[in-house]
Amino acid sequence: MPYLILMLAVLAETIGTTALQASQQFSRPLPSAIVVVAYGAAFYLLAIALKTFPVGVAYAMWSGMGIVFISIIGFAIFGQRLDLAAIIGIALIMAGILVINLLSGTATH
């Protein structure tokens, strides 16, 4: 259940960040409202996840997965391209998340 809560927090953060791009610097009301609601939900769910995960581990997974997902969305929806260095960096973030979850005794299993 803690991983589900954390994944929902990541989903909400990803929705909020996508809406932030779509809001065009808060000049469009509907995407702007989605930003506020989604980020509120993301932080609320992250706070719940912190009951189980240490803050550093939870934040690393939350922000890392958010970076990966929003990079994919940026490419697919907004046509944003990544160079090789950015792709390698994102792959390293994904590797770090895997190391934390598969090998660390700090993460909840």
PDB file of N, CA and C in Angstrom:
ATOM      1  N   MET A   1       0.807  -1.209   0.000  1.00  0.00           N
ATOM      2  CA  MET A   1       0.000   0.000   0.000  1.00  0.00           C
ATOM      3  C   MET A   1       0.853   1.278   0.000  1.00  0.00           C
ATOM      4  N   PRO A   2       1.981   1.330   0.738  1.00  0.00           N
ATOM      5  CA  PRO A   2       2.791   2.557   0.701  1.00  0.00           C
ATOM      6  C   PRO A   2       3.296   2.891  -0.709  1.00  0.00           C
ATOM      7  N   TYR A   3       3.650   1.860  -1.483  1.00  0.00           N
ATOM      8  CA  TYR A   3       4.111   2.115  -2.845  1.00  0.00           C
ATOM      9  C   TYR A   3       2.977   2.657  -3.721  1.00  0.00           C
ATOM     10  N   LEU A   4       1.763   2.168  -3.503  1.00  0.00           N
ATOM     11  CA  LEU A   4       0.616   2.678  -4.256  1.00  0.00           C
ATOM     12  C   LEU A   4       0.381   4.153  -3.941  1.00  0.00           C
ATOM     13  N   ILE A   5       0.451   4.513  -2.674  1.00  0.00           N
ATOM     14  CA  ILE A   5       0.288   5.917  -2.272  1.00  0.00           C
ATOM     15  C   ILE A   5       1.369   6.778  -2.927  1.00  0.00           C
ATOM     16  N   LEU A   6       2.604   6.288  -2.906  1.00  0.00           N
ATOM     17  CA  LEU A   6       3.702   7.044  -3.504  1.00  0.00           C
ATOM     18  C   LEU A   6       3.517   7.167  -5.018  1.00  0.00           C
ATOM     19  N   MET A   7       3.066   6.111  -5.669  1.00  0.00           N
ATOM     20  CA  MET A   7       2.825   6.181  -7.119  1.00  0.00           C
ATOM     21  C   MET A   7       1.690   7.156  -7.445  1.00  0.00           C
ATOM     22  N   LEU A   8       0.672   7.201  -6.603  1.00  0.00           N
ATOM     23  CA  LEU A   8      -0.406   8.181  -6.809  1.00  0.00           C
ATOM     24  C   LEU A   8       0.119   9.604  -6.628  1.00  0.00           C
ATOM     25  N   ALA A   9       1.049   9.786  -5.690  1.00  0.00           N
ATOM     26  CA  ALA A   9       1.676  11.092  -5.508  1.00  0.00           C
ATOM     27  C   ALA A   9       2.462  11.487  -6.748  1.00  0.00           C
ATOM     28  N   VAL A  10       3.179  10.531  -7.324  1.00  0.00           N
ATOM     29  CA  VAL A  10       3.938  10.785  -8.556  1.00  0.00           C
ATOM     30  C   VAL A  10       2.984  11.114  -9.701  1.00  0.00           C
ATOM     31  N   LEU A  11       1.902  10.370  -9.805  1.00  0.00           N
ATOM     32  CA  LEU A  11       0.904  10.627 -10.850  1.00  0.00           C
ATOM     33  C   LEU A  11       0.331  12.035 -10.716  1.00  0.00           C
ATOM     34  N   ALA A  12      -0.029  12.417  -9.509  1.00  0.00           N
ATOM     35  CA  ALA A  12      -0.581  13.756  -9.287  1.00  0.00           C
ATOM     36  C   ALA A  12       0.446  14.832  -9.619  1.00  0.00           C
ATOM     37  N   GLU A  13       1.694  14.611  -9.237  1.00  0.00           N
ATOM     38  CA  GLU A  13       2.756  15.579  -9.534  1.00  0.00           C
ATOM     39  C   GLU A  13       2.972  15.691 -11.036  1.00  0.00           C
ATOM     40  N   THR A  14       2.909  14.568 -11.736  1.00  0.00           N
ATOM     41  CA  THR A  14       3.083  14.568 -13.188  1.00  0.00           C
ATOM     42  C   THR A  14       1.934  15.294 -13.880  1.00  0.00           C
ATOM     43  N   ILE A  15       0.728  15.078 -13.404  1.00  0.00           N
ATOM     44  CA  ILE A  15      -0.432  15.807 -13.942  1.00  0.00           C
ATOM     45  C   ILE A  15      -0.261  17.302 -13.689  1.00  0.00           C
ATOM     46  N   GLY A  16       0.153  17.652 -12.486  1.00  0.00           N
ATOM     47  CA  GLY A  16       0.349  19.061 -12.154  1.00  0.00           C
ATOM     48  C   GLY A  16       1.412  19.722 -13.011  1.00  0.00           C
ATOM     49  N   THR A  17       2.506  19.029 -13.256  1.00  0.00           N
ATOM     50  CA  THR A  17       3.578  19.595 -14.066  1.00  0.00           C
ATOM     51  C   THR A  17       3.155  19.712 -15.529  1.00  0.00           C
ATOM     52  N   THR A  18       2.417  18.736 -16.019  1.00  0.00           N
ATOM     53  CA  THR A  18       1.894  18.811 -17.382  1.00  0.00           C
ATOM     54  C   THR A  18       0.939  19.994 -17.516  1.00  0.00           C
ATOM     55  N   ALA A  19       0.074  20.172 -16.539  1.00  0.00           N
ATOM     56  CA  ALA A  19      -0.856  21.300 -16.550  1.00  0.00           C
ATOM     57  C   ALA A  19      -0.115  22.629 -16.412  1.00  0.00           C
ATOM     58  N   LEU A  20       0.985  22.626 -15.677  1.00  0.00           N
ATOM     59  CA  LEU A  20       1.781  23.841 -15.529  1.00  0.00           C
ATOM     60  C   LEU A  20       2.297  24.301 -16.892  1.00  0.00           C
ATOM     61  N   GLN A  21       2.783  23.363 -17.693  1.00  0.00           N
ATOM     62  CA  GLN A  21       3.221  23.706 -19.047  1.00  0.00           C
ATOM     63  C   GLN A  21       2.039  24.205 -19.878  1.00  0.00           C
ATOM     64  N   ALA A  22       0.900  23.527 -19.759  1.00  0.00           N
ATOM     65  CA  ALA A  22      -0.284  23.903 -20.535  1.00  0.00           C
ATOM     66  C   ALA A  22      -0.902  25.219 -20.067  1.00  0.00           C
ATOM     67  N   SER A  23      -0.628  25.630 -18.839  1.00  0.00           N
ATOM     68  CA  SER A  23      -1.230  26.861 -18.315  1.00  0.00           C
ATOM     69  C   SER A  23      -0.647  28.121 -18.933  1.00  0.00           C
ATOM     70  N   GLN A  24       0.474  27.978 -19.630  1.00  0.00           N
ATOM     71  CA  GLN A  24       1.161  29.115 -20.248  1.00  0.00           C
ATOM     72  C   GLN A  24       1.375  30.235 -19.233  1.00  0.00           C
ATOM     73  N   GLN A  25       2.174  29.891 -18.213  1.00  0.00           N
ATOM     74  CA  GLN A  25       2.537  30.812 -17.132  1.00  0.00           C
ATOM     75  C   GLN A  25       1.287  31.323 -16.384  1.00  0.00           C
ATOM     76  N   PHE A  26       0.368  30.430 -16.106  1.00  0.00           N
ATOM     77  CA  PHE A  26      -0.866  30.707 -15.363  1.00  0.00           C
ATOM     78  C   PHE A  26      -1.781  31.706 -16.074  1.00  0.00           C
ATOM     79  N   SER A  27      -1.697  31.755 -17.388  1.00  0.00           N
ATOM     80  CA  SER A  27      -2.580  32.659 -18.140  1.00  0.00           C
ATOM     81  C   SER A  27      -3.845  31.959 -18.624  1.00  0.00           C
ATOM     82  N   ARG A  28      -3.913  30.647 -18.461  1.00  0.00           N
ATOM     83  CA  ARG A  28      -5.108  29.885 -18.843  1.00  0.00           C
ATOM     84  C   ARG A  28      -5.735  29.313 -17.575  1.00  0.00           C
ATOM     85  N   PRO A  29      -6.999  29.660 -17.291  1.00  0.00           N
ATOM     86  CA  PRO A  29      -7.618  29.312 -16.005  1.00  0.00           C
ATOM     87  C   PRO A  29      -7.734  27.809 -15.710  1.00  0.00           C
ATOM     88  N   LEU A  30      -8.213  27.014 -16.653  1.00  0.00           N
ATOM     89  CA  LEU A  30      -8.441  25.593 -16.356  1.00  0.00           C
ATOM     90  C   LEU A  30      -7.124  24.856 -16.061  1.00  0.00           C
ATOM     91  N   PRO A  31      -6.116  24.955 -16.927  1.00  0.00           N
ATOM     92  CA  PRO A  31      -4.864  24.287 -16.565  1.00  0.00           C
ATOM     93  C   PRO A  31      -4.256  24.832 -15.273  1.00  0.00           C
ATOM     94  N   SER A  32      -4.441  26.120 -15.012  1.00  0.00           N
ATOM     95  CA  SER A  32      -3.924  26.711 -13.771  1.00  0.00           C
ATOM     96  C   SER A  32      -4.592  26.104 -12.554  1.00  0.00           C
ATOM     97  N   ALA A  33      -5.898  25.892 -12.629  1.00  0.00           N
ATOM     98  CA  ALA A  33      -6.631  25.270 -11.522  1.00  0.00           C
ATOM     99  C   ALA A  33      -6.186  23.821 -11.334  1.00  0.00           C
ATOM    100  N   ILE A  34      -5.930  23.130 -12.436  1.00  0.00           N
ATOM    101  CA  ILE A  34      -5.470  21.743 -12.358  1.00  0.00           C
ATOM    102  C   ILE A  34      -4.108  21.684 -11.660  1.00  0.00           C
ATOM    103  N   VAL A  35      -3.240  22.654 -11.952  1.00  0.00           N
ATOM    104  CA  VAL A  35      -1.930  22.718 -11.297  1.00  0.00           C
ATOM    105  C   VAL A  35      -2.100  22.747  -9.778  1.00  0.00           C
ATOM    106  N   VAL A  36      -2.943  23.647  -9.303  1.00  0.00           N
ATOM    107  CA  VAL A  36      -3.117  23.824  -7.859  1.00  0.00           C
ATOM    108  C   VAL A  36      -3.680  22.553  -7.215  1.00  0.00           C
ATOM    109  N   VAL A  37      -4.703  21.977  -7.829  1.00  0.00           N
ATOM    110  CA  VAL A  37      -5.328  20.773  -7.269  1.00  0.00           C
ATOM    111  C   VAL A  37      -4.366  19.584  -7.324  1.00  0.00           C
ATOM    112  N   ALA A  38      -3.706  19.408  -8.459  1.00  0.00           N
ATOM    113  CA  ALA A  38      -2.812  18.256  -8.620  1.00  0.00           C
ATOM    114  C   ALA A  38      -1.613  18.336  -7.678  1.00  0.00           C
ATOM    115  N   TYR A  39      -1.011  19.517  -7.569  1.00  0.00           N
ATOM    116  CA  TYR A  39       0.123  19.642  -6.639  1.00  0.00           C
ATOM    117  C   TYR A  39      -0.325  19.492  -5.191  1.00  0.00           C
ATOM    118  N   GLY A  40      -1.503  19.989  -4.869  1.00  0.00           N
ATOM    119  CA  GLY A  40      -2.031  19.782  -3.519  1.00  0.00           C
ATOM    120  C   GLY A  40      -2.186  18.304  -3.215  1.00  0.00           C
ATOM    121  N   ALA A  41      -2.762  17.563  -4.171  1.00  0.00           N
ATOM    122  CA  ALA A  41      -2.929  16.118  -3.999  1.00  0.00           C
ATOM    123  C   ALA A  41      -1.572  15.420  -3.914  1.00  0.00           C
ATOM    124  N   ALA A  42      -0.623  15.855  -4.751  1.00  0.00           N
ATOM    125  CA  ALA A  42       0.702  15.234  -4.759  1.00  0.00           C
ATOM    126  C   ALA A  42       1.391  15.383  -3.404  1.00  0.00           C
ATOM    127  N   PHE A  43       1.361  16.587  -2.843  1.00  0.00           N
ATOM    128  CA  PHE A  43       2.017  16.803  -1.559  1.00  0.00           C
ATOM    129  C   PHE A  43       1.273  16.103  -0.421  1.00  0.00           C
ATOM    130  N   TYR A  44      -0.038  16.055  -0.495  1.00  0.00           N
ATOM    131  CA  TYR A  44      -0.811  15.336   0.522  1.00  0.00           C
ATOM    132  C   TYR A  44      -0.450  13.851   0.499  1.00  0.00           C
ATOM    133  N   LEU A  45      -0.433  13.257  -0.705  1.00  0.00           N
ATOM    134  CA  LEU A  45      -0.103  11.836  -0.823  1.00  0.00           C
ATOM    135  C   LEU A  45       1.349  11.560  -0.437  1.00  0.00           C
ATOM    136  N   LEU A  46       2.242  12.470  -0.789  1.00  0.00           N
ATOM    137  CA  LEU A  46       3.638  12.316  -0.382  1.00  0.00           C
ATOM    138  C   LEU A  46       3.755  12.346   1.141  1.00  0.00           C
ATOM    139  N   ALA A  47       2.999  13.217   1.769  1.00  0.00           N
ATOM    140  CA  ALA A  47       3.009  13.290   3.237  1.00  0.00           C
ATOM    141  C   ALA A  47       2.542  11.975   3.857  1.00  0.00           C
ATOM    142  N   ILE A  48       1.540  11.357   3.255  1.00  0.00           N
ATOM    143  CA  ILE A  48       1.071  10.051   3.750  1.00  0.00           C
ATOM    144  C   ILE A  48       2.161   9.000   3.566  1.00  0.00           C
ATOM    145  N   ALA A  49       2.835   9.031   2.410  1.00  0.00           N
ATOM    146  CA  ALA A  49       3.906   8.070   2.143  1.00  0.00           C
ATOM    147  C   ALA A  49       5.048   8.223   3.151  1.00  0.00           C
ATOM    148  N   LEU A  50       5.235   9.432   3.661  1.00  0.00           N
ATOM    149  CA  LEU A  50       6.315   9.667   4.622  1.00  0.00           C
ATOM    150  C   LEU A  50       6.071   8.974   5.964  1.00  0.00           C
ATOM    151  N   LYS A  51       4.872   8.476   6.190  1.00  0.00           N
ATOM    152  CA  LYS A  51       4.628   7.679   7.392  1.00  0.00           C
ATOM    153  C   LYS A  51       5.381   6.352   7.321  1.00  0.00           C
ATOM    154  N   THR A  52       5.675   5.904   6.096  1.00  0.00           N
ATOM    155  CA  THR A  52       6.320   4.611   5.885  1.00  0.00           C
ATOM    156  C   THR A  52       7.765   4.745   5.418  1.00  0.00           C
ATOM    157  N   PHE A  53       7.997   5.642   4.474  1.00  0.00           N
ATOM    158  CA  PHE A  53       9.326   5.807   3.872  1.00  0.00           C
ATOM    159  C   PHE A  53      10.107   6.910   4.573  1.00  0.00           C
ATOM    160  N   PRO A  54      11.421   6.758   4.693  1.00  0.00           N
ATOM    161  CA  PRO A  54      12.241   7.884   5.142  1.00  0.00           C
ATOM    162  C   PRO A  54      12.129   9.021   4.116  1.00  0.00           C
ATOM    163  N   VAL A  55      12.228  10.249   4.566  1.00  0.00           N
ATOM    164  CA  VAL A  55      11.996  11.399   3.685  1.00  0.00           C
ATOM    165  C   VAL A  55      12.941  11.402   2.487  1.00  0.00           C
ATOM    166  N   GLY A  56      14.198  11.071   2.671  1.00  0.00           N
ATOM    167  CA  GLY A  56      15.146  11.085   1.557  1.00  0.00           C
ATOM    168  C   GLY A  56      14.806  10.057   0.500  1.00  0.00           C
ATOM    169  N   VAL A  57      14.419   8.868   0.929  1.00  0.00           N
ATOM    170  CA  VAL A  57      14.053   7.804  -0.001  1.00  0.00           C
ATOM    171  C   VAL A  57      12.757   8.152  -0.719  1.00  0.00           C
ATOM    172  N   ALA A  58      11.758   8.612   0.025  1.00  0.00           N
ATOM    173  CA  ALA A  58      10.476   8.964  -0.586  1.00  0.00           C
ATOM    174  C   ALA A  58      10.649  10.077  -1.604  1.00  0.00           C
ATOM    175  N   TYR A  59      11.414  11.098  -1.237  1.00  0.00           N
ATOM    176  CA  TYR A  59      11.597  12.225  -2.144  1.00  0.00           C
ATOM    177  C   TYR A  59      12.412  11.831  -3.365  1.00  0.00           C
ATOM    178  N   ALA A  60      13.399  10.973  -3.183  1.00  0.00           N
ATOM    179  CA  ALA A  60      14.194  10.503  -4.324  1.00  0.00           C
ATOM    180  C   ALA A  60      13.315   9.746  -5.314  1.00  0.00           C
ATOM    181  N   MET A  61      12.464   8.870  -4.803  1.00  0.00           N
ATOM    182  CA  MET A  61      11.584   8.110  -5.696  1.00  0.00           C
ATOM    183  C   MET A  61      10.538   9.010  -6.327  1.00  0.00           C
ATOM    184  N   TRP A  62       9.944   9.901  -5.539  1.00  0.00           N
ATOM    185  CA  TRP A  62       8.887  10.802  -6.024  1.00  0.00           C
ATOM    186  C   TRP A  62       9.423  11.725  -7.116  1.00  0.00           C
ATOM    187  N   SER A  63      10.519  12.377  -6.835  1.00  0.00           N
ATOM    188  CA  SER A  63      11.061  13.321  -7.805  1.00  0.00           C
ATOM    189  C   SER A  63      11.675  12.598  -9.001  1.00  0.00           C
ATOM    190  N   GLY A  64      12.353  11.484  -8.754  1.00  0.00           N
ATOM    191  CA  GLY A  64      12.973  10.732  -9.843  1.00  0.00           C
ATOM    192  C   GLY A  64      11.960  10.187 -10.824  1.00  0.00           C
ATOM    193  N   MET A  65      10.919   9.553 -10.311  1.00  0.00           N
ATOM    194  CA  MET A  65       9.888   9.033 -11.202  1.00  0.00           C
ATOM    195  C   MET A  65       9.161  10.171 -11.909  1.00  0.00           C
ATOM    196  N   GLY A  66       8.955  11.276 -11.200  1.00  0.00           N
ATOM    197  CA  GLY A  66       8.319  12.438 -11.827  1.00  0.00           C
ATOM    198  C   GLY A  66       9.146  12.966 -12.989  1.00  0.00           C
ATOM    199  N   ILE A  67      10.465  13.022 -12.819  1.00  0.00           N
ATOM    200  CA  ILE A  67      11.357  13.479 -13.892  1.00  0.00           C
ATOM    201  C   ILE A  67      11.237  12.565 -15.113  1.00  0.00           C
ATOM    202  N   VAL A  68      11.258  11.275 -14.877  1.00  0.00           N
ATOM    203  CA  VAL A  68      11.164  10.316 -15.980  1.00  0.00           C
ATOM    204  C   VAL A  68       9.832  10.473 -16.701  1.00  0.00           C
ATOM    205  N   PHE A  69       8.744  10.489 -15.962  1.00  0.00           N
ATOM    206  CA  PHE A  69       7.417  10.573 -16.586  1.00  0.00           C
ATOM    207  C   PHE A  69       7.209  11.895 -17.316  1.00  0.00           C
ATOM    208  N   ILE A  70       7.616  13.002 -16.706  1.00  0.00           N
ATOM    209  CA  ILE A  70       7.379  14.296 -17.345  1.00  0.00           C
ATOM    210  C   ILE A  70       8.278  14.464 -18.564  1.00  0.00           C
ATOM    211  N   SER A  71       9.431  13.827 -18.570  1.00  0.00           N
ATOM    212  CA  SER A  71      10.280  13.858 -19.761  1.00  0.00           C
ATOM    213  C   SER A  71       9.610  13.136 -20.923  1.00  0.00           C
ATOM    214  N   ILE A  72       8.995  12.014 -20.627  1.00  0.00           N
ATOM    215  CA  ILE A  72       8.262  11.264 -21.656  1.00  0.00           C
ATOM    216  C   ILE A  72       7.069  12.079 -22.150  1.00  0.00           C
ATOM    217  N   ILE A  73       6.334  12.679 -21.234  1.00  0.00           N
ATOM    218  CA  ILE A  73       5.178  13.507 -21.607  1.00  0.00           C
ATOM    219  C   ILE A  73       5.626  14.725 -22.406  1.00  0.00           C
ATOM    220  N   GLY A  74       6.717  15.351 -21.980  1.00  0.00           N
ATOM    221  CA  GLY A  74       7.233  16.506 -22.710  1.00  0.00           C
ATOM    222  C   GLY A  74       7.566  16.156 -24.149  1.00  0.00           C
ATOM    223  N   PHE A  75       8.125  14.978 -24.343  1.00  0.00           N
ATOM    224  CA  PHE A  75       8.439  14.519 -25.694  1.00  0.00           C
ATOM    225  C   PHE A  75       7.170  14.202 -26.476  1.00  0.00           C
ATOM    226  N   ALA A  76       6.274  13.408 -25.869  1.00  0.00           N
ATOM    227  CA  ALA A  76       5.093  12.912 -26.576  1.00  0.00           C
ATOM    228  C   ALA A  76       4.036  13.989 -26.839  1.00  0.00           C
ATOM    229  N   ILE A  77       3.826  14.877 -25.878  1.00  0.00           N
ATOM    230  CA  ILE A  77       2.740  15.855 -25.991  1.00  0.00           C
ATOM    231  C   ILE A  77       3.229  17.213 -26.473  1.00  0.00           C
ATOM    232  N   PHE A  78       4.356  17.663 -25.934  1.00  0.00           N
ATOM    233  CA  PHE A  78       4.821  19.023 -26.225  1.00  0.00           C
ATOM    234  C   PHE A  78       5.934  19.065 -27.270  1.00  0.00           C
ATOM    235  N   GLY A  79       6.348  17.904 -27.778  1.00  0.00           N
ATOM    236  CA  GLY A  79       7.368  17.855 -28.816  1.00  0.00           C
ATOM    237  C   GLY A  79       8.749  18.300 -28.353  1.00  0.00           C
ATOM    238  N   GLN A  80       9.009  18.190 -27.065  1.00  0.00           N
ATOM    239  CA  GLN A  80      10.306  18.598 -26.519  1.00  0.00           C
ATOM    240  C   GLN A  80      11.306  17.458 -26.719  1.00  0.00           C
ATOM    241  N   ARG A  81      12.453  17.791 -27.231  1.00  0.00           N
ATOM    242  CA  ARG A  81      13.490  16.802 -27.512  1.00  0.00           C
ATOM    243  C   ARG A  81      14.541  16.786 -26.413  1.00  0.00           C
ATOM    244  N   LEU A  82      15.136  15.627 -26.216  1.00  0.00           N
ATOM    245  CA  LEU A  82      16.222  15.471 -25.259  1.00  0.00           C
ATOM    246  C   LEU A  82      17.486  15.090 -26.012  1.00  0.00           C
ATOM    247  N   ASP A  83      18.618  15.663 -25.619  1.00  0.00           N
ATOM    248  CA  ASP A  83      19.875  15.257 -26.231  1.00  0.00           C
ATOM    249  C   ASP A  83      20.399  14.018 -25.517  1.00  0.00           C
ATOM    250  N   LEU A  84      21.510  13.490 -26.022  1.00  0.00           N
ATOM    251  CA  LEU A  84      22.054  12.251 -25.477  1.00  0.00           C
ATOM    252  C   LEU A  84      22.408  12.379 -23.997  1.00  0.00           C
ATOM    253  N   ALA A  85      22.986  13.512 -23.611  1.00  0.00           N
ATOM    254  CA  ALA A  85      23.357  13.708 -22.200  1.00  0.00           C
ATOM    255  C   ALA A  85      22.128  13.665 -21.298  1.00  0.00           C
ATOM    256  N   ALA A  86      21.030  14.273 -21.738  1.00  0.00           N
ATOM    257  CA  ALA A  86      19.794  14.255 -20.946  1.00  0.00           C
ATOM    258  C   ALA A  86      19.239  12.839 -20.835  1.00  0.00           C
ATOM    259  N   ILE A  87      19.281  12.094 -21.920  1.00  0.00           N
ATOM    260  CA  ILE A  87      18.788  10.714 -21.901  1.00  0.00           C
ATOM    261  C   ILE A  87      19.639   9.861 -20.965  1.00  0.00           C
ATOM    262  N   ILE A  88      20.947  10.031 -21.018  1.00  0.00           N
ATOM    263  CA  ILE A  88      21.832   9.287 -20.115  1.00  0.00           C
ATOM    264  C   ILE A  88      21.542   9.668 -18.659  1.00  0.00           C
ATOM    265  N   GLY A  89      21.367  10.949 -18.401  1.00  0.00           N
ATOM    266  CA  GLY A  89      21.052  11.398 -17.047  1.00  0.00           C
ATOM    267  C   GLY A  89      19.755  10.804 -16.529  1.00  0.00           C
ATOM    268  N   ILE A  90      18.738  10.776 -17.369  1.00  0.00           N
ATOM    269  CA  ILE A  90      17.449  10.198 -16.968  1.00  0.00           C
ATOM    270  C   ILE A  90      17.594   8.697 -16.736  1.00  0.00           C
ATOM    271  N   ALA A  91      18.383   8.027 -17.563  1.00  0.00           N
ATOM    272  CA  ALA A  91      18.632   6.588 -17.353  1.00  0.00           C
ATOM    273  C   ALA A  91      19.325   6.356 -16.014  1.00  0.00           C
ATOM    274  N   LEU A  92      20.242   7.246 -15.651  1.00  0.00           N
ATOM    275  CA  LEU A  92      20.913   7.119 -14.350  1.00  0.00           C
ATOM    276  C   LEU A  92      19.934   7.346 -13.195  1.00  0.00           C
ATOM    277  N   ILE A  93      18.998   8.271 -13.368  1.00  0.00           N
ATOM    278  CA  ILE A  93      17.961   8.475 -12.349  1.00  0.00           C
ATOM    279  C   ILE A  93      17.151   7.194 -12.180  1.00  0.00           C
ATOM    280  N   MET A  94      16.754   6.591 -13.305  1.00  0.00           N
ATOM    281  CA  MET A  94      15.993   5.346 -13.243  1.00  0.00           C
ATOM    282  C   MET A  94      16.813   4.247 -12.555  1.00  0.00           C
ATOM    283  N   ALA A  95      18.103   4.189 -12.858  1.00  0.00           N
ATOM    284  CA  ALA A  95      18.972   3.196 -12.217  1.00  0.00           C
ATOM    285  C   ALA A  95      19.036   3.440 -10.709  1.00  0.00           C
ATOM    286  N   GLY A  96      19.104   4.696 -10.314  1.00  0.00           N
ATOM    287  CA  GLY A  96      19.129   5.022  -8.893  1.00  0.00           C
ATOM    288  C   GLY A  96      17.863   4.584  -8.176  1.00  0.00           C
ATOM    289  N   ILE A  97      16.725   4.792  -8.809  1.00  0.00           N
ATOM    290  CA  ILE A  97      15.452   4.353  -8.220  1.00  0.00           C
ATOM    291  C   ILE A  97      15.445   2.834  -8.061  1.00  0.00           C
ATOM    292  N   LEU A  98      15.932   2.123  -9.073  1.00  0.00           N
ATOM    293  CA  LEU A  98      15.997   0.664  -8.986  1.00  0.00           C
ATOM    294  C   LEU A  98      16.936   0.210  -7.870  1.00  0.00           C
ATOM    295  N   VAL A  99      18.094   0.845  -7.747  1.00  0.00           N
ATOM    296  CA  VAL A  99      19.036   0.488  -6.684  1.00  0.00           C
ATOM    297  C   VAL A  99      18.391   0.674  -5.316  1.00  0.00           C
ATOM    298  N   ILE A 100      17.720   1.806  -5.133  1.00  0.00           N
ATOM    299  CA  ILE A 100      17.055   2.061  -3.847  1.00  0.00           C
ATOM    300  C   ILE A 100      16.034   0.970  -3.550  1.00  0.00           C
ATOM    301  N   ASN A 101      15.217   0.623  -4.545  1.00  0.00           N
ATOM    302  CA  ASN A 101      14.123  -0.312  -4.301  1.00  0.00           C
ATOM    303  C   ASN A 101      14.557  -1.766  -4.241  1.00  0.00           C
ATOM    304  N   LEU A 102      15.588  -2.123  -4.977  1.00  0.00           N
ATOM    305  CA  LEU A 102      15.992  -3.528  -5.027  1.00  0.00           C
ATOM    306  C   LEU A 102      17.087  -3.877  -4.018  1.00  0.00           C
ATOM    307  N   LEU A 103      17.946  -2.928  -3.700  1.00  0.00           N
ATOM    308  CA  LEU A 103      19.113  -3.262  -2.888  1.00  0.00           C
ATOM    309  C   LEU A 103      19.182  -2.581  -1.532  1.00  0.00           C
ATOM    310  N   SER A 104      18.487  -1.485  -1.371  1.00  0.00           N
ATOM    311  CA  SER A 104      18.606  -0.742  -0.123  1.00  0.00           C
ATOM    312  C   SER A 104      17.702  -1.313   0.969  1.00  0.00           C
ATOM    313  N   GLY A 105      18.235  -1.425   2.138  1.00  0.00           N
ATOM    314  CA  GLY A 105      17.441  -1.832   3.293  1.00  0.00           C
ATOM    315  C   GLY A 105      16.623  -0.666   3.846  1.00  0.00           C
ATOM    316  N   THR A 106      16.868   0.539   3.336  1.00  0.00           N
ATOM    317  CA  THR A 106      16.157   1.724   3.803  1.00  0.00           C
ATOM    318  C   THR A 106      14.747   1.786   3.245  1.00  0.00           C
ATOM    319  N   ALA A 107      14.566   1.318   1.985  1.00  0.00           N
ATOM    320  CA  ALA A 107      13.248   1.338   1.361  1.00  0.00           C
ATOM    321  C   ALA A 107      12.370   0.265   1.989  1.00  0.00           C
ATOM    322  N   THR A 108      11.079   0.538   2.017  1.00  0.00           N
ATOM    323  CA  THR A 108      10.106  -0.421   2.538  1.00  0.00           C
ATOM    324  C   THR A 108       9.884  -1.524   1.524  1.00  0.00           C
ATOM    325  N   HIS A 109       9.978  -2.765   1.958  1.00  0.00           N
ATOM    326  CA  HIS A 109       9.761  -3.890   1.027  1.00  0.00           C
ATOM    327  C   HIS A 109       8.610  -4.744   1.519  1.00  0.00           C
TER     328      HIS A 109
END
